[in-house]
Structure formats: C-alpha cells, structure tokens
C-alpha cells in the first residue's frame, strides 16, 4: 500500500470520527492491520537510524580531521573507550608471528610482524574507509592505513602491491593488498599496527593470531592501564617461543609485575642475522639488543667461535 493511500485512509478515519462515533469505531477496527503495518515500518526505520548512528559515531567522536598524507598523528586519548571487535577479519591467513610489539633493537616496534610471502592476500581487519595509500622507502614500504567505524585505525606495511585507493570504503575481509618485502624490511612479512587516536596499541590486546580470532567481542580501553595490559597480552599471545602457554591472565599479570621495566621477557623478538665481514659476536649482540651469552646459547656455539661471512645466526 502506498503512502498516499495510507494518508487518505487516515484522513477519512479522522473525518468519520467527527461525524459519527459508532462509524468511527467500525473504521478503526478495520484500520488495525494497517496500523500494525505502519508500526512495523516505523520500527524498521528507527532501528536503521540507530544502527547507522552506532556505526558512524565511534570514529567520528574520536577524530576531528581526515588526511591522506600522514600515516599516524597522536592526539589526546580518551580516558576510556569501548572498541567493538565483532566485525573482525584476520588480515592474513598466517598464524606465525615473527616479532612482537615493544622494544626491539633499541627502539620501539609499534606493531606485530606476521610471516607472509610475496603475493599473499592481505585483508581489511574491520570495515571502514581507506585513509592513506602510500610508499615509504625507509619505513613501511608500500602501506595502507584504514580508519575503521569502531574507532581504530590499522596500518598494513611492506606490501608488494596495494589493491585499494584513498577514500575508498571497504568491508571487513576485503582484499586491500598483497604481501611483500618493500621498505625497511629484511624479509617478506606483514607489519600490522592498531592505533587509537594515532597512539599505537599492542595488537595482542585485541587479537589472538595463533587461534585466528579476537580475544573478546569488545575491548575496553583504559588510558591508565593499556600499556601494562599490553605486556600481559604479549606474554599470553606473543611470538612462539617467548609466550607462556598454559598461563592464565592472572598468572601472566603477576609475572609481568615481577619483571623490572625494560626486561619484559615477553617482548623479546626472534630473528636471523646474516654475518658480514667484520662482524663479531659482540657487535651482533649490540645491534640486536641481546647478550653474547644469549647468542651463544641459541646458536650452540662458544664465545671463541670464528664467524664466517654469510653465516646465519639466530638472535
């Protein structure tokens, strides 16, 4: 039934109520099914408006500007903020983390490194809008930044090819690029960052890559505790070999509290070093922020071992 017809019936009913109370009652009884239809339509429209508002509100509340130039720019963090993770899709099929969030080689590593091969499909973690598609030779290489409807921004670095353009709307799971080894990278992998108001959050707070899932439907961000929570998350879900399987979150939290700042074992990164002419165990240890004893232990060599150019050492 058209809106015009429904309006005509409503006006007729109003006129009959003025003319005859009995006739009006009869007409209202006949009108009941139409009223129920209108009520259902009104409810659908209202629900649609509410869903749209909830969909757009989180990110619009957090960000005042839209820029296609910078990868990230830190602004004031909210004291608390609920991040909806229900729309999540894994950015790649790989479960293998090769480097954690945190201290690495004397600087802060602001994301997770996930092992992918050149040409592997990289996907949007959540629905949103592509903000940046650029190339950075000494950093991210070919990268994409997406601002998501839940308030997060995600960064995908070192790709061989970008498959989206700036200001493009994407849905969770849409292909956005191909795995690669561009920029400041020593091997093909995906560098994946999650940021809130431009500030890097440890992705392990939100995602469990080994189980290919989110840690919960929602993550409640608290400005005063998220950094320590990140330490616990790395201990629970970090790089294979540095995480502690079987620990509960409470146990992990207690262990984090016992370790001095800067000595968080869960933040250790693993990798390979190709020996160059002039390299020594001491110089390699300094470069990667580990001890000579550690190098010797993980490579099963002695401190007097002669290093050969081209030799591969774990660190």
Protein backbone atom coordinates (compact mmCIF):
# COMPACT_ATOMS: atom_id res chain seq x y z
CA UNK A 1 0.00 0.00 0.00
CA UNK A 2 1.40 3.41 -0.94
CA UNK A 3 1.99 6.27 1.46
CA UNK A 4 -0.62 8.33 -0.40
CA UNK A 5 -3.28 5.65 0.12
CA UNK A 6 -2.42 5.30 3.81
CA UNK A 7 -2.65 9.05 4.27
CA UNK A 8 -6.06 9.09 2.58
CA UNK A 9 -7.35 6.37 4.92
CA UNK A 10 -6.05 8.23 7.97
CA UNK A 11 -7.78 11.46 6.93
CA UNK A 12 -11.02 9.59 6.17
CA UNK A 13 -10.90 7.94 9.60
CA UNK A 14 -10.43 11.31 11.29
CA UNK A 15 -13.41 12.78 9.39
CA UNK A 16 -15.70 9.87 10.30
CA UNK A 17 -14.78 10.13 13.97
CA UNK A 18 -16.01 13.70 13.89
CA UNK A 19 -19.21 12.70 12.06
CA UNK A 20 -20.25 9.53 13.88
CA UNK A 21 -18.61 7.88 16.92
CA UNK A 22 -20.07 4.44 16.03
CA UNK A 23 -18.92 4.62 12.42
CA UNK A 24 -15.53 5.79 13.60
CA UNK A 25 -15.17 2.76 15.86
CA UNK A 26 -16.02 0.41 12.97
CA UNK A 27 -13.47 2.08 10.73
CA UNK A 28 -10.77 1.97 13.43
CA UNK A 29 -11.35 -1.76 13.85
CA UNK A 30 -10.82 -2.25 10.10
CA UNK A 31 -7.80 0.06 10.23
CA UNK A 32 -5.95 -2.01 12.90
CA UNK A 33 -3.98 -4.23 10.44
CA UNK A 34 -2.79 -1.13 8.57
CA UNK A 35 -1.71 0.49 11.84
CA UNK A 36 0.32 -2.58 12.68
CA UNK A 37 2.00 -2.36 9.25
CA UNK A 38 2.83 1.30 9.83
CA UNK A 39 4.18 0.49 13.28
CA UNK A 40 6.43 -2.21 11.80
CA UNK A 41 7.68 0.21 9.15
CA UNK A 42 8.34 2.89 11.77
CA UNK A 43 10.24 0.37 13.91
CA UNK A 44 12.39 -0.70 10.95
CA UNK A 45 13.20 2.90 10.05
CA UNK A 46 14.05 3.74 13.65
CA UNK A 47 16.21 0.67 14.04
CA UNK A 48 18.01 1.51 10.79
CA UNK A 49 18.69 5.05 12.00
CA UNK A 50 20.01 3.77 15.33
CA UNK A 51 22.27 1.23 13.63
CA UNK A 52 23.64 3.91 11.31
CA UNK A 53 24.31 6.21 14.24
CA UNK A 54 26.08 3.48 16.20
CA UNK A 55 28.05 2.53 13.07
CA UNK A 56 29.40 6.02 12.46
CA UNK A 57 29.57 7.52 15.94
CA UNK A 58 32.71 5.94 17.49
CA UNK A 59 35.21 7.11 14.89
CA UNK A 60 33.53 10.49 14.36
CA UNK A 61 33.76 11.19 18.09
CA UNK A 62 37.49 10.42 18.20
CA UNK A 63 38.81 12.17 15.08
CA UNK A 64 38.37 15.78 14.00
CA UNK A 65 40.18 15.60 10.68
CA UNK A 66 40.69 13.44 7.60
CA UNK A 67 44.10 13.48 5.94
CA UNK A 68 45.59 11.35 3.16
CA UNK A 69 49.18 12.33 3.96
CA UNK A 70 50.37 11.17 7.39
CA UNK A 71 50.39 7.53 8.48
CA UNK A 72 49.61 8.44 12.08
CA UNK A 73 49.46 11.53 14.27
CA UNK A 74 48.96 11.14 18.01
CA UNK A 75 46.11 13.12 19.56
CA UNK A 76 44.54 13.09 23.01
CA UNK A 77 43.45 9.63 24.11
CA UNK A 78 40.07 9.22 25.81
CA UNK A 79 40.19 8.10 29.45
CA UNK A 80 38.20 5.03 28.42
CA UNK A 81 36.69 3.76 25.20
CA UNK A 82 34.88 0.56 24.21
CA UNK A 83 36.19 -0.95 20.96
CA UNK A 84 33.78 -3.24 19.13
CA UNK A 85 35.72 -6.22 17.73
CA UNK A 86 32.79 -8.23 16.35
CA UNK A 87 33.39 -7.13 12.74
CA UNK A 88 36.94 -8.54 12.73
CA UNK A 89 38.59 -10.47 9.90
CA UNK A 90 42.15 -11.79 10.02
CA UNK A 91 44.40 -9.58 7.86
CA UNK A 92 46.14 -12.70 6.52
CA UNK A 93 45.94 -16.47 6.75
CA UNK A 94 49.26 -16.84 8.54
CA UNK A 95 49.35 -17.73 12.24
CA UNK A 96 53.10 -17.22 12.60
CA UNK A 97 54.27 -14.10 14.42
CA UNK A 98 57.92 -13.24 13.88
CA UNK A 99 58.23 -10.13 16.04
CA UNK A 100 56.28 -8.71 18.96
CA UNK A 101 55.08 -5.23 19.79
CA UNK A 102 57.55 -3.37 22.03
CA UNK A 103 61.27 -2.81 22.50
CA UNK A 104 63.39 -4.10 19.63
CA UNK A 105 66.94 -3.24 18.62
CA UNK A 106 67.00 -0.20 20.88
CA UNK A 107 63.76 1.28 19.56
CA UNK A 108 60.04 0.70 19.87
CA UNK A 109 58.37 -1.67 17.42
CA UNK A 110 54.82 -0.32 17.16
CA UNK A 111 53.12 -3.38 15.67
CA UNK A 112 53.28 -7.12 15.09
CA UNK A 113 55.22 -8.77 12.28
CA UNK A 114 53.35 -11.68 10.71
CA UNK A 115 55.04 -14.09 8.33
CA UNK A 116 53.55 -13.86 4.85
CA UNK A 117 55.00 -14.49 1.41
CA UNK A 118 55.14 -12.15 -1.57
CA UNK A 119 51.74 -12.23 -3.23
CA UNK A 120 49.74 -13.46 -0.22
CA UNK A 121 46.39 -11.69 0.12
CA UNK A 122 46.17 -9.00 2.82
CA UNK A 123 42.66 -8.11 4.01
CA UNK A 124 40.96 -5.29 5.90
CA UNK A 125 40.67 -6.18 9.58
CA UNK A 126 37.42 -4.24 10.00
CA UNK A 127 35.02 -2.26 7.85
CA UNK A 128 35.93 1.37 7.30
CA UNK A 129 37.45 3.87 4.91
CA UNK A 130 40.93 3.88 3.39
CA UNK A 131 42.75 6.99 4.56
CA UNK A 132 46.29 6.51 3.19
CA UNK A 133 47.80 4.54 0.29
CA UNK A 134 51.47 5.49 0.02
CA UNK A 135 55.06 4.30 -0.34
CA UNK A 136 57.75 4.95 2.27
CA UNK A 137 61.18 3.69 1.20
CA UNK A 138 62.81 3.85 4.65
CA UNK A 139 59.85 2.66 6.64
CA UNK A 140 56.56 0.97 5.84
CA UNK A 141 57.32 0.42 2.16
CA UNK A 142 54.02 0.12 0.31
CA UNK A 143 51.41 0.57 3.00
CA UNK A 144 47.72 1.20 3.61
CA UNK A 145 46.00 2.94 6.53
CA UNK A 146 42.30 2.32 7.19
CA UNK A 147 40.12 4.25 9.64
CA UNK A 148 37.50 1.90 10.99
CA UNK A 149 33.98 2.54 12.16
CA UNK A 150 34.81 1.18 15.64
CA UNK A 151 37.36 3.95 16.26
CA UNK A 152 40.56 2.06 15.46
CA UNK A 153 42.97 2.70 12.64
CA UNK A 154 45.02 -0.16 11.22
CA UNK A 155 48.25 0.02 9.23
CA UNK A 156 49.46 -2.67 6.83
CA UNK A 157 53.14 -2.33 5.85
CA UNK A 158 55.77 -3.80 3.48
CA UNK A 159 53.24 -4.93 0.86
CA UNK A 160 54.26 -5.67 -2.72
CA UNK A 161 51.07 -4.13 -4.12
CA UNK A 162 48.15 -2.04 -2.86
CA UNK A 163 44.72 -3.01 -4.16
CA UNK A 164 42.70 -0.07 -2.81
CA UNK A 165 42.68 3.68 -3.26
CA UNK A 166 42.41 6.56 -0.81
CA UNK A 167 38.89 7.44 0.40
CA UNK A 168 37.58 4.04 -0.71
CA UNK A 169 35.03 2.31 1.52
CA UNK A 170 35.99 -1.26 2.43
CA UNK A 171 34.25 -4.06 4.27
CA UNK A 172 35.85 -6.37 6.81
CA UNK A 173 37.77 -9.08 4.95
CA UNK A 174 38.05 -7.19 1.64
CA UNK A 175 41.44 -7.64 -0.12
CA UNK A 176 43.49 -4.46 0.25
CA UNK A 177 46.94 -5.58 -0.87
CA UNK A 178 49.49 -8.33 -1.43
CA UNK A 179 52.24 -9.47 0.93
CA UNK A 180 55.72 -8.23 0.18
CA UNK A 181 59.14 -7.08 1.32
CA UNK A 182 59.16 -3.35 0.49
CA UNK A 183 60.57 -0.53 2.59
CA UNK A 184 62.68 -1.17 5.69
CA UNK A 185 62.27 -4.93 5.75
CA UNK A 186 64.63 -7.89 5.95
CA UNK A 187 62.21 -10.49 4.62
CA UNK A 188 58.67 -10.84 3.34
CA UNK A 189 56.18 -10.22 6.13
CA UNK A 190 53.19 -8.09 7.09
CA UNK A 191 53.78 -5.32 9.59
CA UNK A 192 50.40 -4.81 11.26
CA UNK A 193 49.55 -1.92 13.59
CA UNK A 194 46.43 -1.00 15.55
CA UNK A 195 46.14 2.62 16.66
CA UNK A 196 43.64 4.63 18.65
CA UNK A 197 43.81 8.42 18.16
CA UNK A 198 47.16 7.82 16.45
CA UNK A 199 48.62 6.06 19.51
CA UNK A 200 49.86 2.51 18.92
CA UNK A 201 48.10 -0.25 20.86
CA UNK A 202 49.56 -3.71 21.15
CA UNK A 203 47.51 -5.82 18.68
CA UNK A 204 47.84 -8.73 21.12
CA UNK A 205 45.38 -6.85 23.34
CA UNK A 206 42.71 -7.41 20.71
CA UNK A 207 43.65 -10.42 18.58
CA UNK A 208 44.92 -13.96 19.01
CA UNK A 209 46.72 -14.70 15.74
CA UNK A 210 47.61 -18.27 16.59
CA UNK A 211 43.92 -19.05 17.09
CA UNK A 212 42.83 -16.71 14.27
CA UNK A 213 40.30 -14.89 16.45
CA UNK A 214 39.66 -11.85 18.61
CA UNK A 215 40.20 -12.12 22.37
CA UNK A 216 36.61 -10.97 23.07
CA UNK A 217 33.67 -9.23 21.38
CA UNK A 218 34.75 -5.92 22.91
CA UNK A 219 37.95 -4.45 24.32
CA UNK A 220 37.56 -1.80 26.99
CA UNK A 221 40.44 0.61 26.58
CA UNK A 222 41.64 2.45 29.70
CA UNK A 223 44.20 5.19 29.31
CA UNK A 224 45.90 4.42 32.60
CA UNK A 225 46.32 0.67 32.17
CA UNK A 226 46.58 -0.22 28.48
CA UNK A 227 50.39 -0.28 28.41
CA UNK A 228 50.68 -2.75 31.25
CA UNK A 229 47.83 -4.80 29.79
CA UNK A 230 49.88 -4.93 26.59
CA UNK A 231 52.77 -6.57 28.46
CA UNK A 232 50.41 -9.22 29.78
CA UNK A 233 48.90 -9.74 26.31
CA UNK A 234 52.34 -10.31 24.77
CA UNK A 235 53.17 -12.84 27.47
CA UNK A 236 49.93 -14.69 26.71
CA UNK A 237 49.83 -14.37 22.91
CA UNK A 238 53.31 -13.34 21.77
CA UNK A 239 55.85 -14.79 19.38
CA UNK A 240 56.13 -18.58 19.52
CA UNK A 241 58.89 -19.46 21.93
CA UNK A 242 58.57 -16.32 24.07
CA UNK A 243 54.96 -16.69 25.17
CA UNK A 244 54.00 -18.83 28.11
CA UNK A 245 51.32 -21.35 27.17
CA UNK A 246 49.09 -22.53 29.95
CA UNK A 247 49.28 -19.34 31.99
CA UNK A 248 46.06 -17.65 33.00
CA UNK A 249 45.75 -13.90 32.58
CA UNK A 250 46.04 -13.50 36.36
CA UNK A 251 49.27 -15.53 36.43
CA UNK A 252 50.69 -13.59 33.49
CA UNK A 253 49.79 -10.31 35.19
CA UNK A 254 51.62 -11.35 38.36
CA UNK A 255 54.70 -12.38 36.38
CA UNK A 256 54.76 -9.07 34.50
CA UNK A 257 54.71 -7.27 37.84
CA UNK A 258 57.82 -9.16 39.00
CA UNK A 259 59.96 -8.19 35.99
CA UNK A 260 61.81 -4.89 36.00
CA UNK A 261 60.91 -2.32 33.31
CA UNK A 262 62.92 -2.91 30.15
CA UNK A 263 63.36 -6.60 30.97
CA UNK A 264 59.96 -7.87 29.86
CA UNK A 265 60.73 -11.32 28.51
CA UNK A 266 57.50 -11.36 26.53
CA UNK A 267 58.80 -8.51 24.40
CA UNK A 268 61.79 -10.40 23.08
CA UNK A 269 61.89 -10.71 19.31
CA UNK A 270 63.39 -13.60 17.40
CA UNK A 271 65.11 -13.38 14.04
CA UNK A 272 68.08 -14.22 11.90
CA UNK A 273 71.31 -12.30 11.31
CA UNK A 274 73.48 -12.86 8.23
CA UNK A 275 77.11 -12.40 9.22
CA UNK A 276 79.00 -9.74 7.30
CA UNK A 277 82.75 -9.19 7.03
CA UNK A 278 83.98 -7.61 10.27
CA UNK A 279 81.04 -8.80 12.38
CA UNK A 280 81.81 -10.12 15.85
CA UNK A 281 79.57 -11.73 18.46
CA UNK A 282 79.76 -8.50 20.46
CA UNK A 283 78.78 -6.26 17.53
CA UNK A 284 75.91 -8.57 16.55
CA UNK A 285 74.67 -8.71 20.14
CA UNK A 286 74.71 -4.90 20.41
CA UNK A 287 72.88 -4.50 17.11
CA UNK A 288 70.01 -6.75 18.14
CA UNK A 289 69.86 -5.78 21.81
CA UNK A 290 70.84 -9.19 23.21
CA UNK A 291 73.81 -10.56 25.12
CA UNK A 292 76.74 -12.54 23.75
CA UNK A 293 75.77 -15.36 26.10
CA UNK A 294 72.31 -15.39 24.54
CA UNK A 295 73.75 -15.59 21.01
CA UNK A 296 75.99 -18.46 22.00
CA UNK A 297 73.19 -20.33 23.75
CA UNK A 298 70.60 -20.13 20.93
CA UNK A 299 73.21 -20.96 18.26
CA UNK A 300 75.03 -23.65 20.28
CA UNK A 301 78.42 -22.05 19.77
CA UNK A 302 81.27 -20.92 22.02
CA UNK A 303 82.41 -17.35 22.62
CA UNK A 304 85.61 -18.01 20.67
CA UNK A 305 83.76 -19.33 17.62
CA UNK A 306 85.11 -17.83 14.39
CA UNK A 307 82.34 -16.24 12.36
CA UNK A 308 82.27 -16.62 8.59
CA UNK A 309 80.68 -14.07 6.19
CA UNK A 310 77.34 -15.41 5.03
CA UNK A 311 76.80 -17.48 8.18
CA UNK A 312 73.28 -17.22 9.65
CA UNK A 313 72.87 -16.68 13.40
CA UNK A 314 69.68 -16.68 15.43
CA UNK A 315 69.23 -13.88 17.95
